[in-house]
Amino acid sequence: MRASLVDPDATERQELVRRKGIMCAEVCDATCRVLSEEAGQDEAGIRAQLEWCRTVCLECAHAFDGQPGGEDGAKACRACAQACTDFIATLGRPQARPTTGDRESR
């Protein structure tokens, strides 16, 4: 299934699936760009982007379910949503602070 294909005779359901597929690709691309930026980003912004991506991916996977040729797309969307969930789980964990030895205590 190719989300970019335009079929003038497409049903309303097929058009919905196509639009969701395009939106999913755009959100995933934006999320990748956010995560690859080297500039310091706040955790809340990263979390919001990941949650948005996860939500859109799951909506897209549900749209692909039952569509001829949509199995691979649904699987990819669910894998991306799971990756977002896994990444979110790492946020907010305390980072180990480097020790400076005895110099600080003196």
Foldseek 3Di string as FASTA:
>chain_A
DALPDDDPPDDPLNVVLSVLLVVLVVLVVVLVVVVPDPPDDDPVVNLVSLVVNLVSLCVSLVSLPPPVVSPVSNVVSNVSSVVSVVVSVPPPDDDDDDDPPCPVVD
